[in-house]
Amino acid sequence: MPLPGASVPRRDYGALRRLGLAWLRVSGWRIEGEIPDLDRAVIAVAPHSSNWDFVHAVAAVFSLGLHVSFIGKHTLFRGPLGRFMVWLGGIPVDRARPDGVVEALQASFARGVPLWFGVAPEGTRRAGAPFKSGFYRVARAAGVPIVPVYLDYRRRVIGVLAPCPASLPVDEGVAEIRERLLAHGRRR
């Protein structure tokens, strides 16, 4: 299991760490690659092909003791599940009214505090969906790197790739990240 560096936003999950480790062990998933020692980054996770992606990702986050913020469909933030999602670092988004999300995330990064923001660039579980550009625009405006993380369902691997600066024009940068992620990740 890779070890996060001192700069990485961390959290003590207590018993949930053991639960995350147990889930990875029982389900046969493992984590490959090095966790970059960055205090601020956008974490782009793809391909997003199943509701199970979230379960595997949360198990990895618990196991590694990472503190990662993320956006999710606003309907997931209702009732007791909603409080848990916010505690995890979730930010609800109404997909019918997505305006202002990029700006709000840029403002969060502008505060200068340690922040890892995880996102599925496809924004949907549909196979072959194009990557949306919001993740890249956030990273570029905030001056933070993008850490590509792939899910390989055939090998049961969550893989961490080397960080990429968000310095290219948006369309080129999104295409480069998409190519890197989909070269490694495999859908269900």
Protein backbone atom coordinates (compact mmCIF):
# COMPACT_ATOMS: atom_id res chain seq x y z
CA MET A 1 0.00 0.00 0.00
CA PRO A 2 1.52 3.37 -0.97
CA LEU A 3 2.11 5.89 1.81
CA PRO A 4 0.97 9.52 1.45
CA GLY A 5 3.59 12.21 2.13
CA ALA A 6 3.47 14.84 4.86
CA SER A 7 1.87 17.53 2.64
CA VAL A 8 -1.15 15.44 1.60
CA PRO A 9 -4.45 16.38 3.31
CA ARG A 10 -5.05 13.62 5.85
CA ARG A 11 -7.81 12.51 8.17
CA ASP A 12 -8.01 9.95 10.96
CA TYR A 13 -10.96 7.72 10.08
CA GLY A 14 -10.52 5.44 13.10
CA ALA A 15 -12.44 2.20 12.64
CA LEU A 16 -13.38 3.19 9.08
CA ARG A 17 -9.71 2.78 8.11
CA ARG A 18 -9.89 -0.86 9.12
CA LEU A 19 -13.21 -1.21 7.27
CA GLY A 20 -11.62 0.27 4.11
CA LEU A 21 -8.66 -2.10 4.36
CA ALA A 22 -11.01 -5.05 4.90
CA TRP A 23 -13.15 -4.08 1.89
CA LEU A 24 -10.10 -3.85 -0.38
CA ARG A 25 -8.84 -7.21 0.87
CA VAL A 26 -12.19 -9.03 0.60
CA SER A 27 -13.06 -7.54 -2.81
CA GLY A 28 -9.57 -8.19 -4.17
CA TRP A 29 -8.81 -4.54 -5.01
CA ARG A 30 -5.39 -2.98 -4.51
CA ILE A 31 -3.79 0.43 -4.93
CA GLU A 32 -0.84 0.89 -7.29
CA GLY A 33 1.40 3.88 -7.92
CA GLU A 34 2.82 6.60 -5.73
CA ILE A 35 0.73 9.13 -3.85
CA PRO A 36 2.25 12.50 -4.82
CA ASP A 37 3.27 14.67 -1.86
CA LEU A 38 1.02 17.60 -2.78
CA ASP A 39 -1.06 19.75 -0.45
CA ARG A 40 -3.44 20.90 -3.19
CA ALA A 41 -4.56 19.00 -6.30
CA VAL A 42 -7.47 18.00 -8.48
CA ILE A 43 -7.83 14.21 -8.51
CA ALA A 44 -9.37 13.02 -11.82
CA VAL A 45 -10.76 9.47 -11.50
CA ALA A 46 -11.83 7.47 -14.58
CA PRO A 47 -13.38 5.55 -16.08
CA HIS A 48 -16.57 6.07 -14.11
CA SER A 49 -18.59 3.00 -15.05
CA SER A 50 -20.41 1.80 -11.96
CA ASN A 51 -21.90 2.85 -8.64
CA TRP A 52 -19.23 0.56 -7.18
CA ASP A 53 -16.56 3.09 -8.22
CA PHE A 54 -17.54 5.22 -5.22
CA VAL A 55 -17.37 2.25 -2.83
CA HIS A 56 -13.88 1.25 -4.00
CA ALA A 57 -12.67 4.87 -3.98
CA VAL A 58 -13.98 5.52 -0.45
CA ALA A 59 -12.35 2.29 0.77
CA ALA A 60 -9.04 3.52 -0.68
CA VAL A 61 -9.48 6.97 0.88
CA PHE A 62 -10.25 5.42 4.30
CA SER A 63 -7.34 2.98 4.00
CA LEU A 64 -4.83 5.70 3.12
CA GLY A 65 -6.25 8.24 5.58
CA LEU A 66 -6.77 10.85 2.84
CA HIS A 67 -9.10 13.81 3.08
CA VAL A 68 -10.63 14.32 -0.37
CA SER A 69 -13.51 16.65 -1.22
CA PHE A 70 -15.87 15.72 -4.08
CA ILE A 71 -19.09 16.78 -5.74
CA GLY A 72 -22.10 14.54 -6.07
CA LYS A 73 -25.69 14.57 -7.26
CA HIS A 74 -27.70 16.66 -4.78
CA THR A 75 -30.21 13.86 -4.21
CA LEU A 76 -27.47 11.80 -2.49
CA PHE A 77 -27.27 14.45 0.23
CA ARG A 78 -30.72 13.94 1.72
CA GLY A 79 -31.43 12.48 5.15
CA PRO A 80 -28.87 10.52 7.19
CA LEU A 81 -26.89 9.60 4.05
CA GLY A 82 -26.58 13.32 3.30
CA ARG A 83 -24.92 14.08 6.63
CA PHE A 84 -22.49 11.22 6.05
CA MET A 85 -21.72 12.45 2.52
CA VAL A 86 -20.95 15.96 3.82
CA TRP A 87 -18.78 14.50 6.59
CA LEU A 88 -16.84 12.59 3.93
CA GLY A 89 -16.14 15.86 2.10
CA GLY A 90 -19.05 15.85 -0.33
CA ILE A 91 -20.43 18.96 -1.96
CA PRO A 92 -23.97 18.61 -3.39
CA VAL A 93 -24.58 19.79 -6.97
CA ASP A 94 -27.91 20.06 -8.74
CA ARG A 95 -27.06 18.92 -12.28
CA ALA A 96 -30.01 20.93 -13.60
CA ARG A 97 -28.30 24.07 -12.22
CA PRO A 98 -24.51 23.48 -12.34
CA ASP A 99 -23.64 27.17 -12.73
CA GLY A 100 -21.12 28.45 -10.24
CA VAL A 101 -19.55 25.10 -9.34
CA VAL A 102 -16.21 25.85 -11.04
CA GLU A 103 -16.07 29.31 -9.46
CA ALA A 104 -16.89 27.95 -5.99
CA LEU A 105 -14.13 25.35 -6.26
CA GLN A 106 -11.65 27.98 -7.49
CA ALA A 107 -12.49 30.06 -4.41
CA SER A 108 -11.90 27.02 -2.17
CA PHE A 109 -8.44 26.54 -3.67
CA ALA A 110 -7.74 30.29 -3.42
CA ARG A 111 -7.95 30.04 0.37
CA GLY A 112 -4.56 28.33 0.22
CA VAL A 113 -5.43 25.57 2.69
CA PRO A 114 -4.61 21.94 1.85
CA LEU A 115 -7.30 20.61 -0.49
CA TRP A 116 -7.62 17.56 -2.67
CA PHE A 117 -10.68 17.67 -4.88
CA GLY A 118 -11.72 14.37 -6.48
CA VAL A 119 -13.91 14.24 -9.57
CA ALA A 120 -15.05 11.80 -12.25
CA PRO A 121 -14.43 13.92 -15.38
CA GLU A 122 -17.05 12.00 -17.38
CA GLY A 123 -19.76 13.12 -14.96
CA THR A 124 -21.79 10.00 -15.78
CA ARG A 125 -21.45 6.22 -15.82
CA ARG A 126 -22.31 5.97 -19.53
CA ALA A 127 -19.60 4.18 -21.56
CA GLY A 128 -17.72 6.41 -23.96
CA ALA A 129 -18.94 9.65 -22.40
CA PRO A 130 -16.68 12.60 -23.18
CA PHE A 131 -14.77 14.23 -20.36
CA LYS A 132 -16.23 17.51 -19.17
CA SER A 133 -13.75 20.37 -18.86
CA GLY A 134 -14.66 21.70 -15.40
CA PHE A 135 -11.98 19.71 -13.56
CA TYR A 136 -9.28 21.08 -15.87
CA ARG A 137 -10.58 24.65 -15.69
CA VAL A 138 -10.58 24.48 -11.87
CA ALA A 139 -7.01 23.15 -11.75
CA ARG A 140 -5.79 25.70 -14.29
CA ALA A 141 -7.41 28.68 -12.56
CA ALA A 142 -6.18 27.52 -9.13
CA GLY A 143 -2.67 26.75 -10.38
CA VAL A 144 -2.78 23.21 -8.98
CA PRO A 145 -1.77 19.95 -10.69
CA ILE A 146 -4.10 17.18 -11.75
CA VAL A 147 -3.46 13.70 -10.35
CA PRO A 148 -4.95 11.08 -12.70
CA VAL A 149 -6.35 8.01 -10.91
CA TYR A 150 -7.71 5.09 -12.90
CA LEU A 151 -9.96 2.16 -12.07
CA ASP A 152 -9.08 -1.12 -13.75
CA TYR A 153 -11.94 -3.55 -13.13
CA ARG A 154 -10.21 -6.46 -14.90
CA ARG A 155 -7.16 -6.32 -12.62
CA ARG A 156 -9.05 -4.80 -9.65
CA VAL A 157 -6.61 -1.93 -9.37
CA ILE A 158 -6.95 1.68 -8.31
CA GLY A 159 -3.92 3.22 -9.99
CA VAL A 160 -2.30 6.58 -9.27
CA LEU A 161 -0.42 8.22 -12.15
CA ALA A 162 2.13 11.04 -12.01
CA PRO A 163 0.66 14.54 -11.59
CA CYS A 164 0.13 16.74 -14.64
CA PRO A 165 0.29 20.53 -14.65
CA ALA A 166 -2.85 22.19 -15.97
CA SER A 167 -0.88 24.39 -18.36
CA LEU A 168 -2.23 23.41 -21.78
CA PRO A 169 -5.24 25.01 -23.46
CA VAL A 170 -8.34 23.44 -21.91
CA ASP A 171 -9.36 21.20 -24.83
CA GLU A 172 -5.82 19.85 -25.29
CA GLY A 173 -5.32 19.33 -21.56
CA VAL A 174 -8.61 17.47 -21.13
CA ALA A 175 -7.77 15.25 -24.12
CA GLU A 176 -4.32 14.45 -22.69
CA ILE A 177 -5.70 13.51 -19.25
CA ARG A 178 -8.46 11.42 -20.88
CA GLU A 179 -5.92 9.55 -22.99
CA ARG A 180 -3.69 8.83 -19.99
CA LEU A 181 -6.56 7.60 -17.84
CA LEU A 182 -8.31 5.48 -20.43
CA ALA A 183 -5.00 3.89 -21.48
CA HIS A 184 -4.84 2.31 -18.01
CA GLY A 185 -8.40 2.06 -16.73
CA ARG A 186 -10.83 -0.64 -17.80
CA ARG A 187 -14.55 -0.65 -17.34
CA ARG A 188 -16.56 -3.41 -15.77
